[in-house]
Amino acid sequence: MGKNLGLESVINSVESAFKPFECVVEVFNFQRRLRFRVFDLNDKPLLTMSDALVRRLCDPGGLNTIITTCRSRVEQKGHKLKPWKNLAK
């Protein structure tokens, strides 16, 4: 089992996973929950993840599951994302 990630690493991973698009991350509920939105190059929303547990995202496997699922949703809408490094590998 891998080492847990810090909150800053989680935020950086989420933001970088959706390049070349803008990803805005917000931590709330006393740093226990996280949400993010991905915007296209014209600032139109592509994806919203409204509520995820920070403790799940601090686990590399949990973070990768959520990011992989969300990246797939963006790509299914016909958008091309830059390669992303899976932290669990």
N, C-alpha and C. Protein backbone atom coordinates (compact mmCIF):
# COMPACT_ATOMS: atom_id res chain seq x y z
N MET A 1 0.84 -1.18 0.00
CA MET A 1 0.00 0.00 0.00
C MET A 1 0.88 1.24 0.00
N GLY A 2 0.53 2.20 -0.80
CA GLY A 2 1.34 3.40 -0.94
C GLY A 2 1.08 4.41 0.16
N LYS A 3 1.91 5.40 0.17
CA LYS A 3 1.83 6.48 1.14
C LYS A 3 0.71 7.45 0.75
N ASN A 4 0.01 7.98 1.75
CA ASN A 4 -1.04 8.96 1.47
C ASN A 4 -0.43 10.27 0.99
N LEU A 5 -1.18 10.97 0.17
CA LEU A 5 -0.77 12.25 -0.39
C LEU A 5 -1.23 13.38 0.53
N GLY A 6 -0.52 14.49 0.48
CA GLY A 6 -0.95 15.69 1.18
C GLY A 6 -2.00 16.42 0.37
N LEU A 7 -2.73 17.30 1.01
CA LEU A 7 -3.81 18.03 0.34
C LEU A 7 -3.29 18.85 -0.84
N GLU A 8 -2.13 19.46 -0.69
CA GLU A 8 -1.57 20.27 -1.78
C GLU A 8 -1.26 19.39 -3.00
N SER A 9 -0.75 18.19 -2.77
CA SER A 9 -0.48 17.26 -3.87
C SER A 9 -1.76 16.83 -4.57
N VAL A 10 -2.80 16.62 -3.79
CA VAL A 10 -4.10 16.26 -4.36
C VAL A 10 -4.60 17.38 -5.26
N ILE A 11 -4.57 18.60 -4.76
CA ILE A 11 -5.04 19.75 -5.54
C ILE A 11 -4.22 19.89 -6.82
N ASN A 12 -2.91 19.80 -6.72
CA ASN A 12 -2.05 19.91 -7.91
C ASN A 12 -2.34 18.80 -8.92
N SER A 13 -2.57 17.59 -8.44
CA SER A 13 -2.87 16.47 -9.33
C SER A 13 -4.18 16.68 -10.07
N VAL A 14 -5.20 17.13 -9.35
CA VAL A 14 -6.50 17.37 -9.98
C VAL A 14 -6.37 18.48 -11.02
N GLU A 15 -5.72 19.57 -10.66
CA GLU A 15 -5.57 20.69 -11.60
C GLU A 15 -4.81 20.27 -12.86
N SER A 16 -3.78 19.47 -12.70
CA SER A 16 -2.95 19.08 -13.86
C SER A 16 -3.58 17.98 -14.70
N ALA A 17 -4.53 17.25 -14.16
CA ALA A 17 -5.12 16.11 -14.87
C ALA A 17 -5.99 16.51 -16.05
N PHE A 18 -6.38 17.76 -16.13
CA PHE A 18 -7.33 18.18 -17.16
C PHE A 18 -6.75 19.18 -18.15
N LYS A 19 -5.44 19.25 -18.21
CA LYS A 19 -4.79 20.14 -19.17
C LYS A 19 -5.12 19.70 -20.58
N PRO A 20 -5.35 20.55 -21.51
CA PRO A 20 -5.05 21.97 -21.56
C PRO A 20 -6.18 22.85 -20.99
N PHE A 21 -7.16 22.24 -20.35
CA PHE A 21 -8.29 23.00 -19.85
C PHE A 21 -8.05 23.52 -18.43
N GLU A 22 -8.82 24.51 -18.06
CA GLU A 22 -8.74 25.10 -16.73
C GLU A 22 -9.53 24.23 -15.74
N CYS A 23 -8.93 23.94 -14.61
CA CYS A 23 -9.60 23.20 -13.55
C CYS A 23 -9.52 24.03 -12.28
N VAL A 24 -10.68 24.34 -11.71
CA VAL A 24 -10.75 25.13 -10.49
C VAL A 24 -11.15 24.20 -9.35
N VAL A 25 -10.29 24.12 -8.35
CA VAL A 25 -10.49 23.22 -7.21
C VAL A 25 -10.85 24.05 -5.98
N GLU A 26 -11.81 23.55 -5.22
CA GLU A 26 -12.20 24.21 -3.97
C GLU A 26 -12.28 23.15 -2.87
N VAL A 27 -11.63 23.44 -1.75
CA VAL A 27 -11.69 22.60 -0.57
C VAL A 27 -12.65 23.27 0.41
N PHE A 28 -13.56 22.48 1.00
CA PHE A 28 -14.55 23.06 1.89
C PHE A 28 -14.88 22.09 3.03
N ASN A 29 -15.79 22.47 3.87
CA ASN A 29 -16.21 21.68 5.03
C ASN A 29 -15.01 21.31 5.92
N PHE A 30 -14.28 22.36 6.31
CA PHE A 30 -13.13 22.21 7.20
C PHE A 30 -12.07 21.26 6.62
N GLN A 31 -11.84 21.39 5.32
CA GLN A 31 -10.85 20.61 4.56
C GLN A 31 -11.16 19.12 4.54
N ARG A 32 -12.43 18.78 4.66
CA ARG A 32 -12.84 17.37 4.58
C ARG A 32 -13.41 17.00 3.23
N ARG A 33 -13.78 18.00 2.45
CA ARG A 33 -14.40 17.75 1.14
C ARG A 33 -13.75 18.63 0.08
N LEU A 34 -13.85 18.14 -1.15
CA LEU A 34 -13.25 18.85 -2.29
C LEU A 34 -14.21 18.78 -3.46
N ARG A 35 -14.27 19.86 -4.21
CA ARG A 35 -15.04 19.88 -5.47
C ARG A 35 -14.20 20.58 -6.51
N PHE A 36 -14.50 20.28 -7.78
CA PHE A 36 -13.78 20.96 -8.85
C PHE A 36 -14.64 21.04 -10.10
N ARG A 37 -14.28 22.03 -10.92
CA ARG A 37 -14.94 22.23 -12.22
C ARG A 37 -13.87 22.36 -13.28
N VAL A 38 -14.16 21.79 -14.43
CA VAL A 38 -13.26 21.87 -15.58
C VAL A 38 -13.96 22.72 -16.64
N PHE A 39 -13.20 23.68 -17.18
CA PHE A 39 -13.74 24.60 -18.19
C PHE A 39 -12.97 24.44 -19.49
N ASP A 40 -13.68 24.55 -20.61
CA ASP A 40 -13.00 24.48 -21.91
C ASP A 40 -12.25 25.78 -22.19
N LEU A 41 -11.66 25.87 -23.36
CA LEU A 41 -10.84 27.03 -23.70
C LEU A 41 -11.66 28.31 -23.87
N ASN A 42 -13.00 28.17 -23.96
CA ASN A 42 -13.90 29.32 -24.03
C ASN A 42 -14.61 29.58 -22.70
N ASP A 43 -14.09 28.99 -21.63
CA ASP A 43 -14.64 29.11 -20.27
C ASP A 43 -16.04 28.53 -20.10
N LYS A 44 -16.40 27.57 -20.94
CA LYS A 44 -17.66 26.87 -20.76
C LYS A 44 -17.40 25.63 -19.91
N PRO A 45 -18.28 25.36 -18.94
CA PRO A 45 -18.08 24.19 -18.08
C PRO A 45 -18.14 22.87 -18.86
N LEU A 46 -17.15 22.02 -18.63
CA LEU A 46 -17.12 20.69 -19.23
C LEU A 46 -17.51 19.62 -18.23
N LEU A 47 -17.17 19.85 -16.96
CA LEU A 47 -17.38 18.82 -15.94
C LEU A 47 -17.43 19.48 -14.57
N THR A 48 -18.30 18.94 -13.72
CA THR A 48 -18.35 19.37 -12.33
C THR A 48 -18.30 18.13 -11.44
N MET A 49 -17.35 18.11 -10.52
CA MET A 49 -17.31 17.10 -9.46
C MET A 49 -17.68 17.87 -8.21
N SER A 50 -18.89 17.66 -7.73
CA SER A 50 -19.42 18.54 -6.70
C SER A 50 -19.03 18.18 -5.27
N ASP A 51 -18.63 16.94 -5.03
CA ASP A 51 -18.36 16.58 -3.64
C ASP A 51 -17.57 15.28 -3.58
N ALA A 52 -16.34 15.36 -3.11
CA ALA A 52 -15.50 14.19 -2.89
C ALA A 52 -14.84 14.31 -1.53
N LEU A 53 -14.67 13.19 -0.87
CA LEU A 53 -14.00 13.20 0.44
C LEU A 53 -12.50 13.36 0.26
N VAL A 54 -11.93 14.31 0.97
CA VAL A 54 -10.49 14.55 0.90
C VAL A 54 -9.72 13.30 1.32
N ARG A 55 -10.19 12.60 2.36
CA ARG A 55 -9.45 11.42 2.82
C ARG A 55 -9.38 10.35 1.73
N ARG A 56 -10.41 10.26 0.90
CA ARG A 56 -10.38 9.30 -0.22
C ARG A 56 -9.39 9.77 -1.29
N LEU A 57 -9.34 11.06 -1.52
CA LEU A 57 -8.44 11.61 -2.54
C LEU A 57 -6.99 11.58 -2.09
N CYS A 58 -6.73 11.59 -0.80
CA CYS A 58 -5.36 11.52 -0.30
C CYS A 58 -4.75 10.13 -0.50
N ASP A 59 -5.60 9.14 -0.73
CA ASP A 59 -5.13 7.81 -1.08
C ASP A 59 -4.87 7.81 -2.59
N PRO A 60 -3.64 7.49 -3.04
CA PRO A 60 -3.35 7.54 -4.49
C PRO A 60 -4.32 6.73 -5.34
N GLY A 61 -4.74 5.58 -4.86
CA GLY A 61 -5.70 4.77 -5.62
C GLY A 61 -7.04 5.44 -5.76
N GLY A 62 -7.54 6.04 -4.67
CA GLY A 62 -8.81 6.75 -4.71
C GLY A 62 -8.75 7.96 -5.61
N LEU A 63 -7.65 8.70 -5.53
CA LEU A 63 -7.46 9.88 -6.39
C LEU A 63 -7.44 9.47 -7.86
N ASN A 64 -6.70 8.42 -8.17
CA ASN A 64 -6.62 7.97 -9.56
C ASN A 64 -7.96 7.50 -10.09
N THR A 65 -8.75 6.83 -9.26
CA THR A 65 -10.07 6.38 -9.70
C THR A 65 -10.95 7.57 -10.07
N ILE A 66 -10.98 8.57 -9.21
CA ILE A 66 -11.83 9.74 -9.49
C ILE A 66 -11.32 10.51 -10.71
N ILE A 67 -10.02 10.72 -10.79
CA ILE A 67 -9.48 11.46 -11.93
C ILE A 67 -9.70 10.70 -13.23
N THR A 68 -9.45 9.40 -13.23
CA THR A 68 -9.63 8.60 -14.45
C THR A 68 -11.08 8.64 -14.91
N THR A 69 -12.01 8.51 -13.97
CA THR A 69 -13.44 8.57 -14.31
C THR A 69 -13.81 9.93 -14.89
N CYS A 70 -13.35 10.99 -14.25
CA CYS A 70 -13.67 12.34 -14.72
C CYS A 70 -13.01 12.65 -16.06
N ARG A 71 -11.76 12.20 -16.24
CA ARG A 71 -11.10 12.40 -17.53
C ARG A 71 -11.87 11.69 -18.65
N SER A 72 -12.36 10.50 -18.36
CA SER A 72 -13.14 9.77 -19.36
C SER A 72 -14.40 10.52 -19.74
N ARG A 73 -15.05 11.12 -18.76
CA ARG A 73 -16.26 11.91 -19.05
C ARG A 73 -15.96 13.09 -19.96
N VAL A 74 -14.85 13.77 -19.71
CA VAL A 74 -14.46 14.90 -20.56
C VAL A 74 -14.14 14.41 -21.97
N GLU A 75 -13.39 13.32 -22.07
CA GLU A 75 -13.01 12.80 -23.38
C GLU A 75 -14.22 12.25 -24.15
N GLN A 76 -15.21 11.71 -23.44
CA GLN A 76 -16.42 11.22 -24.10
C GLN A 76 -17.22 12.35 -24.73
N LYS A 77 -16.98 13.56 -24.28
CA LYS A 77 -17.64 14.73 -24.87
C LYS A 77 -16.88 15.24 -26.09
N GLY A 78 -15.80 14.52 -26.47
CA GLY A 78 -15.05 14.87 -27.67
C GLY A 78 -13.85 15.77 -27.44
N HIS A 79 -13.43 15.95 -26.21
CA HIS A 79 -12.30 16.83 -25.90
C HIS A 79 -11.04 16.01 -25.69
N LYS A 80 -9.94 16.52 -26.17
CA LYS A 80 -8.64 15.85 -26.06
C LYS A 80 -7.88 16.41 -24.87
N LEU A 81 -7.47 15.53 -23.97
CA LEU A 81 -6.68 15.92 -22.80
C LEU A 81 -5.23 15.52 -23.00
N LYS A 82 -4.34 16.28 -22.38
CA LYS A 82 -2.93 15.93 -22.39
C LYS A 82 -2.72 14.70 -21.52
N PRO A 83 -1.66 13.93 -21.78
CA PRO A 83 -1.38 12.75 -20.94
C PRO A 83 -1.24 13.16 -19.48
N TRP A 84 -1.63 12.24 -18.61
CA TRP A 84 -1.59 12.49 -17.18
C TRP A 84 -0.91 11.32 -16.50
N LYS A 85 -0.12 11.60 -15.49
CA LYS A 85 0.61 10.56 -14.77
C LYS A 85 -0.27 9.98 -13.67
N ASN A 86 -0.56 8.70 -13.77
CA ASN A 86 -1.32 7.98 -12.77
C ASN A 86 -0.44 7.78 -11.54
N LEU A 87 -0.86 8.30 -10.40
CA LEU A 87 -0.04 8.28 -9.19
C LEU A 87 0.07 6.90 -8.55
N ALA A 88 -0.84 5.98 -8.87
CA ALA A 88 -0.83 4.67 -8.25
C ALA A 88 0.16 3.73 -8.94
N LYS A 89 0.67 4.11 -10.09
CA LYS A 89 1.60 3.24 -10.82
C LYS A 89 3.02 3.51 -10.44
